[in-house]
């Protein structure tokens, strides 16, 4: 997971209210507490990476937003965790998923907006800023977007083959949570994209650009999906029947240069903290 420790603005990042601001967790505290392990987080401190054990927050959200609509979104995602995300998906599994599409999308956008403000860099802060009304539930019009779900399986290993794991372990599970932005420069029809994962559940979100050519956008989406094996497009109001991907935790790492970079540098960044 990525983020930084605080923000300096004295106006609420969601509703523009002035006054005392509170700390918003980049990933809900109630969700982090559901992990069986002590989580470590990759953050940006200035221009440098750090690995910390405490949960990253950003201090630019008013009490009313933090404990109102944003809290309700966190409660919803924790309910999905308890019902679905807590279970690792294994090869051949099929998941039947019924979600409130708007609540799920709002939570994903909220999490992306939190990380974008904390991390900046390649994150489209200004574009996510324009979706604040929808995130809060004030704007009922859903932004034109595509939401794909990919189910990643643990990687099978020979017992004793990986140092640090139980000698009887036969699989390596996924990282509990990852968040990353996609470069949509060469994805015509789409304004931005990002990935948010919880255990086996990989949510790929692509927000359409204004005045995009529909045919070109569909070709772009088809191209994107070829790089998301097993990716299933979630449709509002419909139950999703999603099969496990052919990709496991190790293969995900091989496909992700940022993840490989993080794995290689994790111990170094931790020592620097």
Protein backbone atom coordinates (compact mmCIF):
# COMPACT_ATOMS: atom_id res chain seq x y z
CA UNK A 1 0.00 0.00 0.00
CA UNK A 2 1.15 3.58 -0.69
CA UNK A 3 0.60 6.96 0.93
CA UNK A 4 2.12 9.74 3.03
CA UNK A 5 1.57 10.77 6.60
CA UNK A 6 -0.39 14.01 6.45
CA UNK A 7 -1.70 16.92 4.43
CA UNK A 8 -1.50 20.62 5.26
CA UNK A 9 -4.69 22.10 3.83
CA UNK A 10 -7.20 23.49 6.36
CA UNK A 11 -10.21 22.94 4.12
CA UNK A 12 -11.93 19.56 3.95
CA UNK A 13 -10.78 17.67 0.86
CA UNK A 14 -14.31 16.37 0.32
CA UNK A 15 -16.75 19.19 1.14
CA UNK A 16 -14.54 22.33 1.41
CA UNK A 17 -15.70 22.97 4.99
CA UNK A 18 -13.23 24.95 7.05
CA UNK A 19 -12.34 24.37 10.69
CA UNK A 20 -10.88 21.47 12.62
CA UNK A 21 -9.93 18.57 10.39
CA UNK A 22 -9.48 14.89 11.23
CA UNK A 23 -7.25 12.08 10.05
CA UNK A 24 -8.65 9.77 7.39
CA UNK A 25 -7.01 6.35 7.01
CA UNK A 26 -5.94 5.65 3.45
CA UNK A 27 -7.15 2.09 3.99
CA UNK A 28 -9.93 1.79 6.59
CA UNK A 29 -8.60 0.89 10.03
CA UNK A 30 -11.48 -1.56 10.44
CA UNK A 31 -10.35 -3.33 7.24
CA UNK A 32 -6.66 -3.41 8.20
CA UNK A 33 -7.61 -4.97 11.54
CA UNK A 34 -9.08 -7.93 9.67
CA UNK A 35 -5.65 -9.03 8.48
CA UNK A 36 -4.11 -11.99 10.28
CA UNK A 37 -0.69 -10.36 10.05
CA UNK A 38 0.85 -7.08 11.17
CA UNK A 39 0.67 -4.95 8.04
CA UNK A 40 3.54 -2.86 6.75
CA UNK A 41 3.00 0.00 4.32
CA UNK A 42 5.13 1.59 1.62
CA UNK A 43 4.72 5.37 1.92
CA UNK A 44 6.38 8.43 0.45
CA UNK A 45 8.13 10.73 2.94
CA UNK A 46 9.19 13.70 0.89
CA UNK A 47 10.72 12.19 -2.22
CA UNK A 48 11.82 8.97 -0.55
CA UNK A 49 10.15 5.62 0.07
CA UNK A 50 9.62 4.41 3.62
CA UNK A 51 8.17 1.21 5.04
CA UNK A 52 6.20 1.77 8.23
CA UNK A 53 4.13 -0.47 10.51
CA UNK A 54 1.57 2.17 11.51
CA UNK A 55 -1.42 2.85 9.26
CA UNK A 56 -0.96 5.82 6.88
CA UNK A 57 -3.46 8.67 7.24
CA UNK A 58 -4.09 12.03 5.65
CA UNK A 59 -5.26 14.87 7.88
CA UNK A 60 -7.52 16.93 5.61
CA UNK A 61 -11.04 15.57 6.15
CA UNK A 62 -13.71 17.18 8.32
CA UNK A 63 -15.42 15.28 11.13
CA UNK A 64 -18.77 15.27 9.34
CA UNK A 65 -17.41 13.62 6.17
CA UNK A 66 -15.04 11.28 7.99
CA UNK A 67 -17.64 9.96 10.40
CA UNK A 68 -20.59 10.23 8.02
CA UNK A 69 -20.63 9.14 4.36
CA UNK A 70 -17.00 7.99 4.28
CA UNK A 71 -17.51 5.84 7.36
CA UNK A 72 -20.59 4.27 5.79
CA UNK A 73 -18.54 3.30 2.73
CA UNK A 74 -15.93 1.68 4.99
CA UNK A 75 -18.66 -0.26 6.79
CA UNK A 76 -19.94 -1.54 3.47
CA UNK A 77 -16.55 -2.73 2.28
CA UNK A 78 -15.89 -4.45 5.61
CA UNK A 79 -19.19 -6.29 5.18
CA UNK A 80 -18.03 -7.48 1.76
CA UNK A 81 -14.75 -8.55 3.32
CA UNK A 82 -16.47 -10.66 5.96
CA UNK A 83 -18.66 -12.30 3.33
CA UNK A 84 -16.24 -12.67 0.41
CA UNK A 85 -12.77 -11.12 0.61
CA UNK A 86 -11.70 -13.05 3.72
CA UNK A 87 -11.73 -16.27 1.68
CA UNK A 88 -8.74 -16.92 -0.58
CA UNK A 89 -9.73 -17.99 -4.08
CA UNK A 90 -8.05 -21.12 -5.37
CA UNK A 91 -7.73 -22.61 -8.87
CA UNK A 92 -11.09 -23.77 -10.19
CA UNK A 93 -13.12 -21.75 -7.68
CA UNK A 94 -16.19 -19.83 -8.79
CA UNK A 95 -17.44 -16.82 -6.83
CA UNK A 96 -20.99 -15.54 -7.04
CA UNK A 97 -20.87 -11.89 -6.07
CA UNK A 98 -23.80 -9.55 -5.54
CA UNK A 99 -22.76 -6.00 -4.71
CA UNK A 100 -24.26 -2.56 -4.43
CA UNK A 101 -22.38 -1.25 -7.44
CA UNK A 102 -22.54 2.40 -6.40
CA UNK A 103 -21.31 1.77 -2.85
CA UNK A 104 -18.44 -0.36 -4.12
CA UNK A 105 -17.43 2.14 -6.79
CA UNK A 106 -17.71 5.06 -4.35
CA UNK A 107 -15.44 3.26 -1.88
CA UNK A 108 -12.89 2.45 -4.58
CA UNK A 109 -12.89 6.07 -5.76
CA UNK A 110 -12.64 7.33 -2.18
CA UNK A 111 -9.62 5.12 -1.52
CA UNK A 112 -8.00 6.23 -4.76
CA UNK A 113 -8.67 9.90 -3.93
CA UNK A 114 -7.13 9.48 -0.45
CA UNK A 115 -4.01 7.86 -1.88
CA UNK A 116 -3.82 10.41 -4.71
CA UNK A 117 -3.75 13.32 -2.26
CA UNK A 118 -1.15 11.59 -0.13
CA UNK A 119 1.06 10.24 -2.91
CA UNK A 120 0.45 12.62 -5.83
CA UNK A 121 3.08 11.77 -8.47
CA UNK A 122 1.25 9.90 -11.25
CA UNK A 123 -2.04 9.95 -9.39
CA UNK A 124 -4.79 12.06 -11.07
CA UNK A 125 -5.68 14.18 -8.04
CA UNK A 126 -7.58 16.83 -10.01
CA UNK A 127 -9.70 14.28 -11.87
CA UNK A 128 -10.64 12.45 -8.66
CA UNK A 129 -11.37 15.82 -7.03
CA UNK A 130 -14.21 16.30 -9.53
CA UNK A 131 -15.84 13.06 -8.31
CA UNK A 132 -16.13 14.13 -4.65
CA UNK A 133 -19.88 14.69 -4.88
CA UNK A 134 -20.43 11.15 -6.11
CA UNK A 135 -18.08 9.70 -3.48
CA UNK A 136 -20.08 11.46 -0.74
CA UNK A 137 -23.37 10.30 -2.22
CA UNK A 138 -24.55 13.83 -2.97
CA UNK A 139 -24.24 13.45 -6.74
CA UNK A 140 -26.39 10.50 -7.79
CA UNK A 141 -25.03 10.39 -11.32
CA UNK A 142 -22.47 7.61 -11.59
CA UNK A 143 -19.30 8.63 -13.46
CA UNK A 144 -18.86 6.79 -16.75
CA UNK A 145 -16.47 4.03 -15.79
CA UNK A 146 -15.62 0.35 -16.10
CA UNK A 147 -15.07 -1.87 -13.08
CA UNK A 148 -13.27 -5.19 -13.60
CA UNK A 149 -12.78 -7.93 -11.02
CA UNK A 150 -9.91 -10.39 -11.29
CA UNK A 151 -9.56 -13.27 -8.82
CA UNK A 152 -5.93 -14.10 -8.05
CA UNK A 153 -4.94 -17.43 -6.54
CA UNK A 154 -2.12 -18.28 -4.10
CA UNK A 155 1.12 -19.52 -5.64
CA UNK A 156 1.87 -23.22 -5.14
CA UNK A 157 5.31 -24.04 -3.71
CA UNK A 158 7.24 -27.06 -2.54
CA UNK A 159 7.31 -27.31 1.29
CA UNK A 160 10.45 -25.74 2.69
CA UNK A 161 11.40 -24.06 -0.60
CA UNK A 162 10.99 -20.47 0.63
CA UNK A 163 12.91 -19.14 3.60
CA UNK A 164 10.77 -17.48 6.24
CA UNK A 165 7.67 -19.55 5.60
CA UNK A 166 6.52 -22.55 7.60
CA UNK A 167 8.42 -25.64 6.39
CA UNK A 168 5.04 -27.27 5.78
CA UNK A 169 3.67 -24.38 3.68
CA UNK A 170 2.47 -25.42 0.23
CA UNK A 171 1.34 -22.01 -1.04
CA UNK A 172 2.14 -18.31 -0.84
CA UNK A 173 -0.94 -16.08 -0.55
CA UNK A 174 -1.43 -12.67 -2.07
CA UNK A 175 -0.36 -9.43 -0.41
CA UNK A 176 -3.29 -8.31 1.76
CA UNK A 177 -3.68 -4.96 0.01
CA UNK A 178 -2.16 -3.19 -2.97
CA UNK A 179 -3.06 0.16 -4.52
CA UNK A 180 -1.60 1.52 -7.73
CA UNK A 181 -2.35 3.94 -10.55
CA UNK A 182 -2.32 3.05 -14.25
CA UNK A 183 -0.79 5.27 -16.90
CA UNK A 184 -3.70 5.95 -19.26
CA UNK A 185 -1.68 8.12 -21.62
CA UNK A 186 -1.91 5.40 -24.25
CA UNK A 187 -5.42 4.24 -23.34
CA UNK A 188 -7.62 6.38 -25.61
CA UNK A 189 -11.12 6.84 -24.28
CA UNK A 190 -10.11 6.61 -20.63
CA UNK A 191 -9.16 9.44 -18.30
CA UNK A 192 -7.61 7.41 -15.50
CA UNK A 193 -7.28 3.93 -14.08
CA UNK A 194 -6.19 2.33 -10.87
CA UNK A 195 -5.96 -1.01 -9.06
CA UNK A 196 -7.13 -1.73 -5.51
CA UNK A 197 -6.77 -5.24 -4.09
CA UNK A 198 -7.90 -7.07 -0.97
CA UNK A 199 -6.52 -10.61 -0.73
CA UNK A 200 -7.61 -12.51 -3.88
CA UNK A 201 -9.90 -9.72 -5.11
CA UNK A 202 -8.28 -7.37 -7.62
CA UNK A 203 -10.49 -4.44 -8.64
CA UNK A 204 -9.41 -2.59 -11.79
CA UNK A 205 -11.19 0.76 -12.23
CA UNK A 206 -11.12 2.74 -15.47
CA UNK A 207 -12.87 6.12 -15.66
CA UNK A 208 -13.90 7.22 -19.15
CA UNK A 209 -12.71 10.48 -20.59
CA UNK A 210 -15.13 13.22 -21.67
CA UNK A 211 -16.33 13.13 -25.26
CA UNK A 212 -14.55 9.84 -25.90
CA UNK A 213 -15.24 8.01 -29.12
CA UNK A 214 -17.33 4.99 -28.06
CA UNK A 215 -15.90 2.59 -30.64
CA UNK A 216 -12.33 3.56 -29.85
CA UNK A 217 -13.02 3.24 -26.12
CA UNK A 218 -14.36 -0.30 -26.55
CA UNK A 219 -11.27 -1.29 -28.52
CA UNK A 220 -9.11 0.14 -25.74
CA UNK A 221 -11.06 -1.76 -23.11
CA UNK A 222 -10.67 -5.01 -25.06
CA UNK A 223 -6.92 -4.39 -25.21
CA UNK A 224 -6.78 -3.67 -21.47
CA UNK A 225 -8.70 -6.83 -20.67
CA UNK A 226 -6.23 -8.94 -22.61
CA UNK A 227 -3.70 -7.89 -19.98
CA UNK A 228 -6.07 -8.82 -17.13
CA UNK A 229 -6.46 -12.62 -17.47
CA UNK A 230 -9.78 -13.74 -16.05
CA UNK A 231 -10.94 -10.15 -15.63
CA UNK A 232 -14.74 -9.91 -15.39
CA UNK A 233 -16.62 -6.66 -15.94
CA UNK A 234 -19.04 -5.94 -13.10
CA UNK A 235 -22.39 -4.58 -14.26
CA UNK A 236 -24.71 -2.54 -12.00
CA UNK A 237 -27.69 -4.53 -10.80
CA UNK A 238 -26.38 -7.91 -11.94
CA UNK A 239 -24.94 -10.78 -9.93
CA UNK A 240 -21.39 -11.54 -11.05
CA UNK A 241 -20.29 -15.13 -11.54
CA UNK A 242 -16.50 -14.91 -11.59
CA UNK A 243 -14.03 -17.78 -11.99
CA UNK A 244 -10.52 -17.76 -10.57
CA UNK A 245 -7.89 -16.30 -12.85
CA UNK A 246 -5.14 -18.36 -14.40
CA UNK A 247 -2.71 -15.97 -12.70
CA UNK A 248 -1.30 -16.67 -9.23
CA UNK A 249 0.46 -14.47 -6.69
CA UNK A 250 3.93 -15.06 -8.19
CA UNK A 251 2.78 -14.40 -11.76
CA UNK A 252 1.16 -11.14 -10.63
CA UNK A 253 4.51 -10.04 -9.28
CA UNK A 254 6.28 -10.97 -12.52
CA UNK A 255 3.80 -8.81 -14.47
CA UNK A 256 4.16 -5.76 -12.20
CA UNK A 257 7.39 -3.78 -12.35
CA UNK A 258 6.37 -1.55 -9.38
CA UNK A 259 5.65 -4.63 -7.26
CA UNK A 260 8.99 -6.19 -8.16
CA UNK A 261 10.68 -2.90 -7.22
CA UNK A 262 8.87 -2.85 -3.88
CA UNK A 263 9.79 -6.43 -3.05
CA UNK A 264 13.46 -5.86 -3.88
CA UNK A 265 13.70 -2.66 -1.84
CA UNK A 266 11.35 -3.43 1.05
CA UNK A 267 14.03 -4.28 3.62
CA UNK A 268 16.14 -1.27 2.64
CA UNK A 269 13.19 1.11 2.91
CA UNK A 270 12.27 -0.42 6.26
CA UNK A 271 15.79 0.15 7.65
CA UNK A 272 15.62 3.80 6.55
CA UNK A 273 12.39 4.44 8.46
